[in-house]
Amino acid sequence: MGSPRGDSAVTRQSILAAARELFAARGADSVGVREIAAQTGVNHALVHRCFGAKNDIAAAIGSEPEPREAPSAHPDQTGGPEP
């Protein structure tokens, strides 16, 4: 994976994505900032600079909006008349 150093928003999103994946696989208590940094391809100091502590990463993940499901294209679920 390439290093996401250019854009700070991209870097933050890359760190969050790596943390989300690691937390889901092993639980937040079992994952360290250095592991998140390694998964992201950045130095752990950059993770601390972007977020502070691991708890701040977990809080950022927890405050993300829930993904929305795309509306179904099935005719009987659109609310319109059936053919």
C-alpha atoms as a PDB file:
ATOM      1  CA  MET A   1       0.000   0.000   0.000  1.00  0.00           C
ATOM      2  CA  GLY A   2       1.282   3.479  -0.806  1.00  0.00           C
ATOM      3  CA  SER A   3       1.958   5.942   1.935  1.00  0.00           C
ATOM      4  CA  PRO A   4      -0.918   8.393   2.492  1.00  0.00           C
ATOM      5  CA  ARG A   5       1.300  11.349   3.467  1.00  0.00           C
ATOM      6  CA  GLY A   6       0.184  13.992   0.981  1.00  0.00           C
ATOM      7  CA  ASP A   7      -3.245  15.115   2.146  1.00  0.00           C
ATOM      8  CA  SER A   8      -4.146  15.321   5.829  1.00  0.00           C
ATOM      9  CA  ALA A   9      -7.819  14.411   5.260  1.00  0.00           C
ATOM     10  CA  VAL A  10      -6.767  11.355   3.254  1.00  0.00           C
ATOM     11  CA  THR A  11      -4.253  10.449   5.960  1.00  0.00           C
ATOM     12  CA  ARG A  12      -6.908  10.726   8.689  1.00  0.00           C
ATOM     13  CA  GLN A  13      -9.316   8.594   6.676  1.00  0.00           C
ATOM     14  CA  SER A  14      -6.597   6.004   6.015  1.00  0.00           C
ATOM     15  CA  ILE A  15      -5.765   5.834   9.712  1.00  0.00           C
ATOM     16  CA  LEU A  16      -9.444   5.474  10.599  1.00  0.00           C
ATOM     17  CA  ALA A  17      -9.919   2.748   7.993  1.00  0.00           C
ATOM     18  CA  ALA A  18      -6.952   0.785   9.340  1.00  0.00           C
ATOM     19  CA  ALA A  19      -8.097   1.222  12.932  1.00  0.00           C
ATOM     20  CA  ARG A  20     -11.656   0.194  12.046  1.00  0.00           C
ATOM     21  CA  GLU A  21     -10.374  -2.977  10.385  1.00  0.00           C
ATOM     22  CA  LEU A  22      -8.041  -3.874  13.260  1.00  0.00           C
ATOM     23  CA  PHE A  23     -10.618  -3.063  15.943  1.00  0.00           C
ATOM     24  CA  ALA A  24     -13.206  -5.227  14.178  1.00  0.00           C
ATOM     25  CA  ALA A  25     -10.787  -8.134  13.881  1.00  0.00           C
ATOM     26  CA  ARG A  26      -9.330  -8.096  17.393  1.00  0.00           C
ATOM     27  CA  GLY A  27     -11.094  -5.513  19.523  1.00  0.00           C
ATOM     28  CA  ALA A  28      -9.867  -2.019  20.328  1.00  0.00           C
ATOM     29  CA  ASP A  29      -8.235  -3.108  23.591  1.00  0.00           C
ATOM     30  CA  SER A  30      -5.974  -5.542  21.724  1.00  0.00           C
ATOM     31  CA  VAL A  31      -4.701  -3.065  19.128  1.00  0.00           C
ATOM     32  CA  GLY A  32      -1.947  -0.502  19.620  1.00  0.00           C
ATOM     33  CA  VAL A  33      -1.276   2.795  17.886  1.00  0.00           C
ATOM     34  CA  ARG A  34       1.916   1.352  16.383  1.00  0.00           C
ATOM     35  CA  GLU A  35      -0.134  -1.435  14.770  1.00  0.00           C
ATOM     36  CA  ILE A  36      -2.572   1.093  13.339  1.00  0.00           C
ATOM     37  CA  ALA A  37       0.364   3.127  12.017  1.00  0.00           C
ATOM     38  CA  ALA A  38       1.982   0.052  10.462  1.00  0.00           C
ATOM     39  CA  GLN A  39      -1.306  -0.966   8.826  1.00  0.00           C
ATOM     40  CA  THR A  40      -1.665   2.567   7.447  1.00  0.00           C
ATOM     41  CA  GLY A  41       1.953   2.833   6.320  1.00  0.00           C
ATOM     42  CA  VAL A  42       2.806   5.868   8.438  1.00  0.00           C
ATOM     43  CA  ASN A  43       4.906   6.557  11.514  1.00  0.00           C
ATOM     44  CA  HIS A  44       3.108   6.177  14.847  1.00  0.00           C
ATOM     45  CA  ALA A  45       3.961   9.806  15.658  1.00  0.00           C
ATOM     46  CA  LEU A  46       1.760  10.891  12.760  1.00  0.00           C
ATOM     47  CA  VAL A  47      -1.137   8.892  14.186  1.00  0.00           C
ATOM     48  CA  HIS A  48      -0.650  10.660  17.530  1.00  0.00           C
ATOM     49  CA  ARG A  49      -0.412  14.040  15.771  1.00  0.00           C
ATOM     50  CA  CYS A  50      -3.653  13.432  13.874  1.00  0.00           C
ATOM     51  CA  PHE A  51      -5.674  11.944  16.729  1.00  0.00           C
ATOM     52  CA  GLY A  52      -3.844  12.043  20.039  1.00  0.00           C
ATOM     53  CA  ALA A  53      -4.421   8.767  21.858  1.00  0.00           C
ATOM     54  CA  LYS A  54      -6.004   5.502  20.730  1.00  0.00           C
ATOM     55  CA  ASN A  55      -9.169   6.447  22.609  1.00  0.00           C
ATOM     56  CA  ASP A  56      -9.474   9.489  20.349  1.00  0.00           C
ATOM     57  CA  ILE A  57      -9.295   7.223  17.294  1.00  0.00           C
ATOM     58  CA  ALA A  58     -12.026   5.009  18.742  1.00  0.00           C
ATOM     59  CA  ALA A  59     -14.131   8.097  19.499  1.00  0.00           C
ATOM     60  CA  ALA A  60     -13.681   9.344  15.922  1.00  0.00           C
ATOM     61  CA  ILE A  61     -14.811   5.970  14.592  1.00  0.00           C
ATOM     62  CA  GLY A  62     -17.773   5.964  16.965  1.00  0.00           C
ATOM     63  CA  SER A  63     -18.865   9.436  15.869  1.00  0.00           C
ATOM     64  CA  GLU A  64     -18.915   8.582  12.157  1.00  0.00           C
ATOM     65  CA  PRO A  65     -22.381   8.552  10.613  1.00  0.00           C
ATOM     66  CA  GLU A  66     -23.850   5.143   9.928  1.00  0.00           C
ATOM     67  CA  PRO A  67     -23.557   4.137   6.279  1.00  0.00           C
ATOM     68  CA  ARG A  68     -26.859   4.363   4.443  1.00  0.00           C
ATOM     69  CA  GLU A  69     -28.149   1.534   2.329  1.00  0.00           C
ATOM     70  CA  ALA A  70     -28.831   2.332  -1.281  1.00  0.00           C
ATOM     71  CA  PRO A  71     -32.524   2.376  -2.121  1.00  0.00           C
ATOM     72  CA  SER A  72     -33.791  -0.843  -3.582  1.00  0.00           C
ATOM     73  CA  ALA A  73     -34.552  -0.826  -7.287  1.00  0.00           C
ATOM     74  CA  HIS A  74     -36.978  -3.705  -6.897  1.00  0.00           C
ATOM     75  CA  PRO A  75     -40.391  -2.544  -8.240  1.00  0.00           C
ATOM     76  CA  ASP A  76     -42.455  -3.728  -5.283  1.00  0.00           C
ATOM     77  CA  GLN A  77     -40.289  -1.767  -2.830  1.00  0.00           C
ATOM     78  CA  THR A  78     -40.199   1.606  -4.605  1.00  0.00           C
ATOM     79  CA  GLY A  79     -43.605   2.707  -3.452  1.00  0.00           C
ATOM     80  CA  GLY A  80     -44.810   3.130  -7.019  1.00  0.00           C
ATOM     81  CA  PRO A  81     -47.438   1.115  -8.837  1.00  0.00           C
ATOM     82  CA  GLU A  82     -46.553  -2.420  -9.786  1.00  0.00           C
ATOM     83  CA  PRO A  83     -46.474  -3.215 -13.500  1.00  0.00           C
END
